Amino acid sequence: MSRTTTTSPAASTSVNSEQISSMKIQKEIFIEAPIDIAFEYVLEQLGPESQMEDGKPFAFKLEAWPGGRWFRDLGNNTGHLWGHVQVIKPPKLIELSGPMMMSYAATNHLQYRLEPEGKGTRLKLTHQAIGMITTPLREGMPKGFQSWLERVRQLAENRKR
């Protein structure tokens, strides 16, 4: 990375040279619950039932329609926009696109695809990103997404019982 900074009494300018990169994460999990229940809990995990890997609540709001927002509401008109619903076809597909967890020049696409399999559901997650992706996010996201899938399975399988 190179940086050029110029200053004057009225203004300063900083120019950085960063590498733009891309990444793709694919994960899947089998859920012992019908597809409609599994899809319901995909939406819950993307919404009010979301948790961090350690079980700490990380509640989102999801407007589950095309163009709907996906965001963290921190109260008092503060929060973080993670993306918008690009495609929703219950109970088989939801796609979200936006900055997601990246507060810098990057864009993301997140797809949850569900398929009936026997008496259960196969849930496939694909995350793709392009931009100035930091190393900590690149290294942490696969584990985070696996945690989210496990949470969906836990919620759906507990509901089924």
N, C-alpha and C. Protein backbone atom coordinates (compact mmCIF):
# COMPACT_ATOMS: atom_id res chain seq x y z
N MET A 1 0.85 -1.17 0.00
CA MET A 1 0.00 0.00 0.00
C MET A 1 0.89 1.22 0.00
N SER A 2 0.59 2.16 -0.87
CA SER A 2 1.30 3.43 -0.84
C SER A 2 0.32 4.52 -0.49
N ARG A 3 0.79 5.54 0.15
CA ARG A 3 -0.08 6.61 0.60
C ARG A 3 0.59 7.93 0.28
N THR A 4 -0.21 8.85 -0.26
CA THR A 4 0.25 10.21 -0.52
C THR A 4 -0.66 11.15 0.23
N THR A 5 -0.09 12.03 1.01
CA THR A 5 -0.89 13.00 1.76
C THR A 5 -0.36 14.40 1.50
N THR A 6 -1.28 15.30 1.20
CA THR A 6 -0.92 16.70 1.06
C THR A 6 -1.80 17.49 2.00
N THR A 7 -1.24 18.51 2.61
CA THR A 7 -2.03 19.31 3.53
C THR A 7 -1.85 20.78 3.24
N SER A 8 -2.86 21.52 3.55
CA SER A 8 -2.83 22.97 3.49
C SER A 8 -3.70 23.45 4.63
N PRO A 9 -3.67 24.73 4.93
CA PRO A 9 -4.51 25.19 6.03
C PRO A 9 -6.00 24.88 5.82
N ALA A 10 -6.45 24.77 4.58
CA ALA A 10 -7.87 24.60 4.32
C ALA A 10 -8.28 23.16 4.04
N ALA A 11 -7.36 22.30 3.62
CA ALA A 11 -7.78 20.96 3.21
C ALA A 11 -6.62 19.98 3.30
N SER A 12 -6.98 18.69 3.34
CA SER A 12 -5.96 17.65 3.24
C SER A 12 -6.51 16.57 2.32
N THR A 13 -5.61 15.90 1.64
CA THR A 13 -5.99 14.83 0.71
C THR A 13 -5.11 13.63 1.00
N SER A 14 -5.71 12.46 1.01
CA SER A 14 -4.97 11.23 1.21
C SER A 14 -5.35 10.27 0.11
N VAL A 15 -4.36 9.66 -0.55
CA VAL A 15 -4.61 8.70 -1.62
C VAL A 15 -3.92 7.40 -1.25
N ASN A 16 -4.66 6.30 -1.24
CA ASN A 16 -4.11 4.99 -0.93
C ASN A 16 -4.19 4.10 -2.15
N SER A 17 -3.22 3.24 -2.32
CA SER A 17 -3.28 2.20 -3.34
C SER A 17 -3.51 0.88 -2.63
N GLU A 18 -4.68 0.29 -2.80
CA GLU A 18 -5.04 -0.98 -2.18
C GLU A 18 -5.33 -1.98 -3.28
N GLN A 19 -5.21 -3.23 -2.96
CA GLN A 19 -5.54 -4.28 -3.89
C GLN A 19 -7.02 -4.64 -3.80
N ILE A 20 -7.66 -4.72 -4.94
CA ILE A 20 -9.03 -5.21 -4.98
C ILE A 20 -8.94 -6.71 -5.18
N SER A 21 -9.74 -7.44 -4.39
CA SER A 21 -9.74 -8.90 -4.49
C SER A 21 -11.17 -9.41 -4.45
N SER A 22 -11.29 -10.69 -4.71
CA SER A 22 -12.61 -11.32 -4.64
C SER A 22 -12.50 -12.58 -3.78
N MET A 23 -13.64 -13.05 -3.36
CA MET A 23 -13.67 -14.29 -2.60
C MET A 23 -15.01 -14.97 -2.79
N LYS A 24 -15.01 -16.28 -2.61
CA LYS A 24 -16.24 -17.06 -2.72
C LYS A 24 -16.21 -18.12 -1.62
N ILE A 25 -17.30 -18.20 -0.88
CA ILE A 25 -17.46 -19.20 0.18
C ILE A 25 -18.70 -20.02 -0.16
N GLN A 26 -18.58 -21.33 -0.12
CA GLN A 26 -19.72 -22.22 -0.34
C GLN A 26 -19.79 -23.20 0.82
N LYS A 27 -20.98 -23.33 1.38
CA LYS A 27 -21.20 -24.25 2.49
C LYS A 27 -22.58 -24.88 2.30
N GLU A 28 -22.74 -26.06 2.86
CA GLU A 28 -24.06 -26.68 2.85
C GLU A 28 -24.24 -27.49 4.10
N ILE A 29 -25.52 -27.72 4.42
CA ILE A 29 -25.87 -28.44 5.63
C ILE A 29 -27.20 -29.15 5.39
N PHE A 30 -27.36 -30.29 6.03
CA PHE A 30 -28.63 -31.01 5.97
C PHE A 30 -29.42 -30.69 7.23
N ILE A 31 -30.70 -30.37 7.04
CA ILE A 31 -31.58 -30.03 8.15
C ILE A 31 -32.70 -31.06 8.20
N GLU A 32 -32.89 -31.66 9.36
CA GLU A 32 -33.95 -32.66 9.53
C GLU A 32 -35.27 -31.96 9.82
N ALA A 33 -35.76 -31.26 8.81
CA ALA A 33 -37.05 -30.55 8.90
C ALA A 33 -37.51 -30.29 7.47
N PRO A 34 -38.82 -30.20 7.26
CA PRO A 34 -39.34 -29.90 5.93
C PRO A 34 -38.85 -28.53 5.42
N ILE A 35 -38.85 -28.37 4.12
CA ILE A 35 -38.32 -27.18 3.49
C ILE A 35 -39.01 -25.89 3.96
N ASP A 36 -40.33 -25.93 4.18
CA ASP A 36 -41.01 -24.71 4.61
C ASP A 36 -40.55 -24.26 6.00
N ILE A 37 -40.30 -25.22 6.88
CA ILE A 37 -39.80 -24.88 8.22
C ILE A 37 -38.36 -24.40 8.13
N ALA A 38 -37.54 -25.07 7.33
CA ALA A 38 -36.15 -24.64 7.16
C ALA A 38 -36.08 -23.22 6.61
N PHE A 39 -36.91 -22.91 5.61
CA PHE A 39 -36.90 -21.56 5.04
C PHE A 39 -37.34 -20.53 6.08
N GLU A 40 -38.35 -20.87 6.86
CA GLU A 40 -38.81 -19.96 7.92
C GLU A 40 -37.65 -19.58 8.84
N TYR A 41 -36.80 -20.55 9.16
CA TYR A 41 -35.71 -20.27 10.08
C TYR A 41 -34.46 -19.69 9.40
N VAL A 42 -34.36 -19.81 8.10
CA VAL A 42 -33.36 -19.01 7.38
C VAL A 42 -33.72 -17.54 7.57
N LEU A 43 -35.00 -17.21 7.38
CA LEU A 43 -35.44 -15.83 7.56
C LEU A 43 -35.27 -15.36 9.00
N GLU A 44 -35.52 -16.24 9.96
CA GLU A 44 -35.34 -15.88 11.37
C GLU A 44 -33.86 -15.63 11.69
N GLN A 45 -32.97 -16.48 11.14
CA GLN A 45 -31.54 -16.29 11.37
C GLN A 45 -31.04 -15.01 10.70
N LEU A 46 -31.63 -14.64 9.59
CA LEU A 46 -31.29 -13.38 8.93
C LEU A 46 -31.98 -12.20 9.61
N GLY A 47 -32.87 -12.49 10.55
CA GLY A 47 -33.64 -11.46 11.23
C GLY A 47 -33.43 -11.51 12.73
N PRO A 48 -34.53 -11.56 13.49
CA PRO A 48 -34.45 -11.38 14.94
C PRO A 48 -33.77 -12.49 15.72
N GLU A 49 -33.59 -13.68 15.14
CA GLU A 49 -32.97 -14.80 15.87
C GLU A 49 -31.47 -14.93 15.59
N SER A 50 -30.89 -14.01 14.86
CA SER A 50 -29.47 -14.10 14.51
C SER A 50 -28.60 -14.01 15.76
N GLN A 51 -27.53 -14.79 15.74
CA GLN A 51 -26.58 -14.79 16.85
C GLN A 51 -25.15 -14.81 16.31
N MET A 52 -24.24 -14.32 17.12
CA MET A 52 -22.82 -14.45 16.84
C MET A 52 -22.41 -15.89 17.17
N GLU A 53 -21.18 -16.27 16.79
CA GLU A 53 -20.70 -17.62 17.06
C GLU A 53 -20.75 -17.99 18.53
N ASP A 54 -20.57 -17.00 19.41
CA ASP A 54 -20.56 -17.26 20.85
C ASP A 54 -21.95 -17.27 21.47
N GLY A 55 -23.00 -17.14 20.64
CA GLY A 55 -24.37 -17.15 21.15
C GLY A 55 -24.91 -15.78 21.50
N LYS A 56 -24.09 -14.75 21.39
CA LYS A 56 -24.54 -13.38 21.67
C LYS A 56 -25.54 -12.93 20.60
N PRO A 57 -26.68 -12.38 21.01
CA PRO A 57 -27.65 -11.89 20.03
C PRO A 57 -27.03 -10.86 19.07
N PHE A 58 -27.37 -10.99 17.81
CA PHE A 58 -26.87 -10.10 16.76
C PHE A 58 -28.06 -9.83 15.84
N ALA A 59 -29.13 -9.33 16.44
CA ALA A 59 -30.42 -9.25 15.77
C ALA A 59 -30.41 -8.28 14.59
N PHE A 60 -30.94 -8.77 13.50
CA PHE A 60 -31.14 -7.99 12.29
C PHE A 60 -32.63 -7.72 12.11
N LYS A 61 -32.92 -6.83 11.21
CA LYS A 61 -34.28 -6.68 10.68
C LYS A 61 -34.19 -7.02 9.21
N LEU A 62 -35.10 -7.86 8.77
CA LEU A 62 -35.16 -8.29 7.38
C LEU A 62 -36.55 -8.00 6.84
N GLU A 63 -36.61 -7.18 5.80
CA GLU A 63 -37.87 -6.94 5.09
C GLU A 63 -37.90 -7.94 3.95
N ALA A 64 -38.63 -9.05 4.15
CA ALA A 64 -38.57 -10.21 3.27
C ALA A 64 -39.43 -10.05 2.02
N TRP A 65 -39.04 -9.08 1.19
CA TRP A 65 -39.66 -8.88 -0.13
C TRP A 65 -38.59 -8.28 -1.04
N PRO A 66 -38.77 -8.38 -2.38
CA PRO A 66 -37.77 -7.83 -3.29
C PRO A 66 -37.51 -6.35 -3.01
N GLY A 67 -36.25 -6.01 -2.85
CA GLY A 67 -35.87 -4.64 -2.52
C GLY A 67 -35.88 -4.34 -1.04
N GLY A 68 -36.38 -5.27 -0.22
CA GLY A 68 -36.43 -5.05 1.23
C GLY A 68 -35.04 -4.91 1.83
N ARG A 69 -34.97 -4.16 2.92
CA ARG A 69 -33.69 -3.93 3.58
C ARG A 69 -33.34 -5.06 4.54
N TRP A 70 -32.04 -5.26 4.71
CA TRP A 70 -31.51 -6.17 5.71
C TRP A 70 -30.52 -5.33 6.51
N PHE A 71 -30.85 -5.07 7.79
CA PHE A 71 -30.03 -4.14 8.54
C PHE A 71 -30.05 -4.45 10.04
N ARG A 72 -29.05 -3.91 10.72
CA ARG A 72 -29.00 -3.95 12.18
C ARG A 72 -29.53 -2.62 12.67
N ASP A 73 -30.56 -2.67 13.49
CA ASP A 73 -31.17 -1.47 14.07
C ASP A 73 -30.64 -1.33 15.49
N LEU A 74 -29.82 -0.30 15.72
CA LEU A 74 -29.23 -0.09 17.03
C LEU A 74 -30.02 0.91 17.87
N GLY A 75 -31.18 1.35 17.37
CA GLY A 75 -32.02 2.30 18.08
C GLY A 75 -31.63 3.74 17.81
N ASN A 76 -32.54 4.65 18.10
CA ASN A 76 -32.31 6.08 17.92
C ASN A 76 -31.84 6.44 16.51
N ASN A 77 -32.41 5.78 15.51
CA ASN A 77 -32.07 6.01 14.10
C ASN A 77 -30.60 5.76 13.80
N THR A 78 -30.01 4.76 14.47
CA THR A 78 -28.63 4.35 14.20
C THR A 78 -28.62 2.89 13.80
N GLY A 79 -27.59 2.47 13.11
CA GLY A 79 -27.48 1.08 12.73
C GLY A 79 -26.57 0.90 11.54
N HIS A 80 -26.69 -0.26 10.90
CA HIS A 80 -25.85 -0.63 9.78
C HIS A 80 -26.71 -1.29 8.70
N LEU A 81 -26.69 -0.76 7.48
CA LEU A 81 -27.33 -1.42 6.35
C LEU A 81 -26.39 -2.51 5.85
N TRP A 82 -26.86 -3.74 5.85
CA TRP A 82 -26.06 -4.85 5.35
C TRP A 82 -26.39 -5.15 3.90
N GLY A 83 -27.63 -4.92 3.48
CA GLY A 83 -27.96 -5.21 2.09
C GLY A 83 -29.44 -5.10 1.82
N HIS A 84 -29.79 -5.55 0.63
CA HIS A 84 -31.17 -5.57 0.17
C HIS A 84 -31.50 -6.95 -0.36
N VAL A 85 -32.78 -7.31 -0.26
CA VAL A 85 -33.24 -8.57 -0.83
C VAL A 85 -33.23 -8.40 -2.35
N GLN A 86 -32.44 -9.22 -3.00
CA GLN A 86 -32.35 -9.20 -4.46
C GLN A 86 -33.36 -10.16 -5.07
N VAL A 87 -33.47 -11.35 -4.47
CA VAL A 87 -34.42 -12.37 -4.94
C VAL A 87 -34.99 -13.07 -3.72
N ILE A 88 -36.28 -13.32 -3.75
CA ILE A 88 -36.90 -14.16 -2.72
C ILE A 88 -37.97 -15.01 -3.41
N LYS A 89 -37.83 -16.33 -3.24
CA LYS A 89 -38.77 -17.30 -3.80
C LYS A 89 -39.03 -18.37 -2.75
N PRO A 90 -39.88 -18.05 -1.76
CA PRO A 90 -40.16 -19.02 -0.70
C PRO A 90 -40.72 -20.32 -1.26
N PRO A 91 -40.35 -21.45 -0.74
CA PRO A 91 -39.39 -21.69 0.33
C PRO A 91 -38.03 -22.16 -0.19
N LYS A 92 -37.67 -21.75 -1.41
CA LYS A 92 -36.47 -22.32 -2.03
C LYS A 92 -35.27 -21.39 -2.14
N LEU A 93 -35.48 -20.07 -2.07
CA LEU A 93 -34.35 -19.20 -2.39
C LEU A 93 -34.52 -17.82 -1.78
N ILE A 94 -33.42 -17.29 -1.24
CA ILE A 94 -33.33 -15.87 -0.90
C ILE A 94 -31.90 -15.43 -1.22
N GLU A 95 -31.79 -14.28 -1.88
CA GLU A 95 -30.49 -13.69 -2.21
C GLU A 95 -30.47 -12.27 -1.70
N LEU A 96 -29.35 -11.90 -1.10
CA LEU A 96 -29.15 -10.56 -0.55
C LEU A 96 -27.88 -9.98 -1.16
N SER A 97 -27.90 -8.68 -1.44
CA SER A 97 -26.70 -8.03 -1.95
C SER A 97 -26.51 -6.69 -1.26
N GLY A 98 -25.24 -6.34 -1.07
CA GLY A 98 -24.92 -5.07 -0.42
C GLY A 98 -23.56 -5.11 0.24
N PRO A 99 -23.27 -4.11 1.07
CA PRO A 99 -21.96 -4.05 1.72
C PRO A 99 -21.77 -5.11 2.80
N MET A 100 -22.87 -5.59 3.37
CA MET A 100 -22.88 -6.55 4.48
C MET A 100 -21.97 -6.09 5.60
N MET A 101 -21.05 -6.93 6.04
CA MET A 101 -20.22 -6.59 7.19
C MET A 101 -19.02 -5.72 6.84
N MET A 102 -18.92 -5.29 5.60
CA MET A 102 -17.74 -4.55 5.13
C MET A 102 -18.03 -3.06 5.07
N SER A 103 -17.42 -2.32 5.96
CA SER A 103 -17.60 -0.87 5.99
C SER A 103 -16.50 -0.19 5.19
N TYR A 104 -16.35 -0.63 3.98
CA TYR A 104 -15.37 -0.05 3.06
C TYR A 104 -15.78 -0.43 1.64
N ALA A 105 -14.97 -0.08 0.67
CA ALA A 105 -15.32 -0.28 -0.73
C ALA A 105 -15.37 -1.77 -1.09
N ALA A 106 -16.57 -2.35 -1.00
CA ALA A 106 -16.77 -3.75 -1.33
C ALA A 106 -18.26 -3.99 -1.56
N THR A 107 -18.56 -5.02 -2.30
CA THR A 107 -19.95 -5.44 -2.45
C THR A 107 -20.01 -6.95 -2.30
N ASN A 108 -21.14 -7.43 -1.83
CA ASN A 108 -21.33 -8.83 -1.50
C ASN A 108 -22.64 -9.36 -2.07
N HIS A 109 -22.66 -10.65 -2.31
CA HIS A 109 -23.87 -11.35 -2.71
C HIS A 109 -23.96 -12.61 -1.86
N LEU A 110 -25.09 -12.80 -1.19
CA LEU A 110 -25.30 -13.93 -0.30
C LEU A 110 -26.54 -14.68 -0.76
N GLN A 111 -26.38 -15.97 -1.02
CA GLN A 111 -27.49 -16.79 -1.51
C GLN A 111 -27.72 -17.97 -0.56
N TYR A 112 -28.98 -18.16 -0.16
CA TYR A 112 -29.42 -19.34 0.56
C TYR A 112 -30.35 -20.09 -0.39
N ARG A 113 -29.95 -21.29 -0.79
CA ARG A 113 -30.77 -22.13 -1.68
C ARG A 113 -31.15 -23.39 -0.92
N LEU A 114 -32.45 -23.70 -0.89
CA LEU A 114 -32.96 -24.85 -0.17
C LEU A 114 -33.57 -25.85 -1.15
N GLU A 115 -33.30 -27.14 -0.89
CA GLU A 115 -33.85 -28.20 -1.73
C GLU A 115 -34.36 -29.32 -0.83
N PRO A 116 -35.57 -29.84 -1.11
CA PRO A 116 -36.05 -30.98 -0.33
C PRO A 116 -35.13 -32.18 -0.57
N GLU A 117 -34.87 -32.92 0.49
CA GLU A 117 -34.04 -34.13 0.38
C GLU A 117 -34.58 -35.15 1.37
N GLY A 118 -35.26 -36.15 0.85
CA GLY A 118 -35.90 -37.13 1.73
C GLY A 118 -36.93 -36.43 2.61
N LYS A 119 -36.83 -36.64 3.92
CA LYS A 119 -37.76 -35.99 4.86
C LYS A 119 -37.20 -34.67 5.39
N GLY A 120 -36.07 -34.24 4.84
CA GLY A 120 -35.43 -33.03 5.32
C GLY A 120 -35.16 -32.04 4.21
N THR A 121 -34.19 -31.19 4.44
CA THR A 121 -33.86 -30.10 3.52
C THR A 121 -32.35 -29.95 3.44
N ARG A 122 -31.86 -29.78 2.22
CA ARG A 122 -30.46 -29.44 1.99
C ARG A 122 -30.38 -27.93 1.82
N LEU A 123 -29.61 -27.27 2.68
CA LEU A 123 -29.45 -25.82 2.63
C LEU A 123 -28.04 -25.53 2.14
N LYS A 124 -27.96 -24.76 1.03
CA LYS A 124 -26.68 -24.39 0.44
C LYS A 124 -26.51 -22.88 0.54
N LEU A 125 -25.38 -22.46 1.07
CA LEU A 125 -25.06 -21.05 1.20
C LEU A 125 -23.89 -20.74 0.27
N THR A 126 -24.03 -19.67 -0.50
CA THR A 126 -22.93 -19.16 -1.32
C THR A 126 -22.77 -17.68 -1.03
N HIS A 127 -21.57 -17.28 -0.67
CA HIS A 127 -21.25 -15.87 -0.43
C HIS A 127 -20.13 -15.49 -1.40
N GLN A 128 -20.34 -14.41 -2.13
CA GLN A 128 -19.32 -13.88 -3.03
C GLN A 128 -19.11 -12.42 -2.71
N ALA A 129 -17.85 -11.98 -2.76
CA ALA A 129 -17.52 -10.59 -2.45
C ALA A 129 -16.43 -10.11 -3.38
N ILE A 130 -16.45 -8.81 -3.63
CA ILE A 130 -15.38 -8.17 -4.39
C ILE A 130 -15.15 -6.80 -3.78
N GLY A 131 -13.89 -6.43 -3.67
CA GLY A 131 -13.55 -5.13 -3.12
C GLY A 131 -12.24 -5.20 -2.37
N MET A 132 -12.05 -4.26 -1.48
CA MET A 132 -10.84 -4.20 -0.66
C MET A 132 -11.08 -5.00 0.61
N ILE A 133 -11.06 -6.31 0.48
CA ILE A 133 -11.44 -7.23 1.56
C ILE A 133 -10.28 -7.39 2.53
N THR A 134 -10.53 -7.10 3.80
CA THR A 134 -9.47 -7.19 4.81
C THR A 134 -9.18 -8.65 5.15
N THR A 135 -7.98 -8.91 5.58
CA THR A 135 -7.56 -10.26 5.95
C THR A 135 -8.40 -10.83 7.10
N PRO A 136 -8.68 -10.06 8.17
CA PRO A 136 -9.48 -10.65 9.25
C PRO A 136 -10.87 -11.12 8.78
N LEU A 137 -11.50 -10.36 7.89
CA LEU A 137 -12.81 -10.81 7.39
C LEU A 137 -12.64 -12.03 6.49
N ARG A 138 -11.67 -12.00 5.62
CA ARG A 138 -11.44 -13.13 4.71
C ARG A 138 -11.23 -14.42 5.51
N GLU A 139 -10.51 -14.32 6.62
CA GLU A 139 -10.21 -15.50 7.42
C GLU A 139 -11.37 -15.90 8.33
N GLY A 140 -12.18 -14.94 8.77
CA GLY A 140 -13.24 -15.23 9.73
C GLY A 140 -14.59 -15.60 9.13
N MET A 141 -14.85 -15.16 7.91
CA MET A 141 -16.19 -15.38 7.35
C MET A 141 -16.59 -16.84 7.18
N PRO A 142 -15.71 -17.74 6.73
CA PRO A 142 -16.17 -19.14 6.60
C PRO A 142 -16.70 -19.71 7.91
N LYS A 143 -16.02 -19.43 9.00
CA LYS A 143 -16.47 -19.92 10.32
C LYS A 143 -17.78 -19.25 10.72
N GLY A 144 -17.90 -17.96 10.46
CA GLY A 144 -19.13 -17.24 10.79
C GLY A 144 -20.33 -17.76 10.04
N PHE A 145 -20.15 -18.00 8.73
CA PHE A 145 -21.27 -18.52 7.94
C PHE A 145 -21.63 -19.94 8.38
N GLN A 146 -20.64 -20.76 8.75
CA GLN A 146 -20.94 -22.10 9.25
C GLN A 146 -21.77 -22.01 10.53
N SER A 147 -21.43 -21.06 11.38
CA SER A 147 -22.18 -20.84 12.61
C SER A 147 -23.63 -20.46 12.30
N TRP A 148 -23.83 -19.60 11.28
CA TRP A 148 -25.19 -19.21 10.90
C TRP A 148 -25.98 -20.42 10.40
N LEU A 149 -25.35 -21.28 9.60
CA LEU A 149 -26.05 -22.47 9.10
C LEU A 149 -26.41 -23.40 10.26
N GLU A 150 -25.50 -23.57 11.19
CA GLU A 150 -25.78 -24.42 12.36
C GLU A 150 -26.94 -23.85 13.17
N ARG A 151 -27.02 -22.53 13.25
CA ARG A 151 -28.12 -21.88 13.97
C ARG A 151 -29.45 -22.16 13.27
N VAL A 152 -29.48 -22.08 11.94
CA VAL A 152 -30.71 -22.39 11.19
C VAL A 152 -31.12 -23.83 11.48
N ARG A 153 -30.16 -24.74 11.42
CA ARG A 153 -30.48 -26.15 11.68
C ARG A 153 -31.04 -26.32 13.09
N GLN A 154 -30.40 -25.72 14.07
CA GLN A 154 -30.86 -25.82 15.46
C GLN A 154 -32.29 -25.32 15.61
N LEU A 155 -32.57 -24.15 15.07
CA LEU A 155 -33.92 -23.57 15.19
C LEU A 155 -34.96 -24.44 14.48
N ALA A 156 -34.66 -24.87 13.26
CA ALA A 156 -35.63 -25.64 12.47
C ALA A 156 -35.88 -27.01 13.08
N GLU A 157 -34.82 -27.68 13.51
CA GLU A 157 -34.99 -29.02 14.07
C GLU A 157 -35.68 -28.97 15.44
N ASN A 158 -35.45 -27.93 16.22
CA ASN A 158 -36.15 -27.79 17.50
C ASN A 158 -37.62 -27.47 17.28
N ARG A 159 -37.94 -26.71 16.25
CA ARG A 159 -39.34 -26.37 15.93
C ARG A 159 -40.10 -27.61 15.51
N LYS A 160 -39.43 -28.46 14.76
CA LYS A 160 -40.08 -29.66 14.21
C LYS A 160 -40.55 -30.59 15.32
N ARG A 161 -39.85 -30.60 16.43
CA ARG A 161 -40.15 -31.55 17.52
C ARG A 161 -41.37 -31.15 18.32
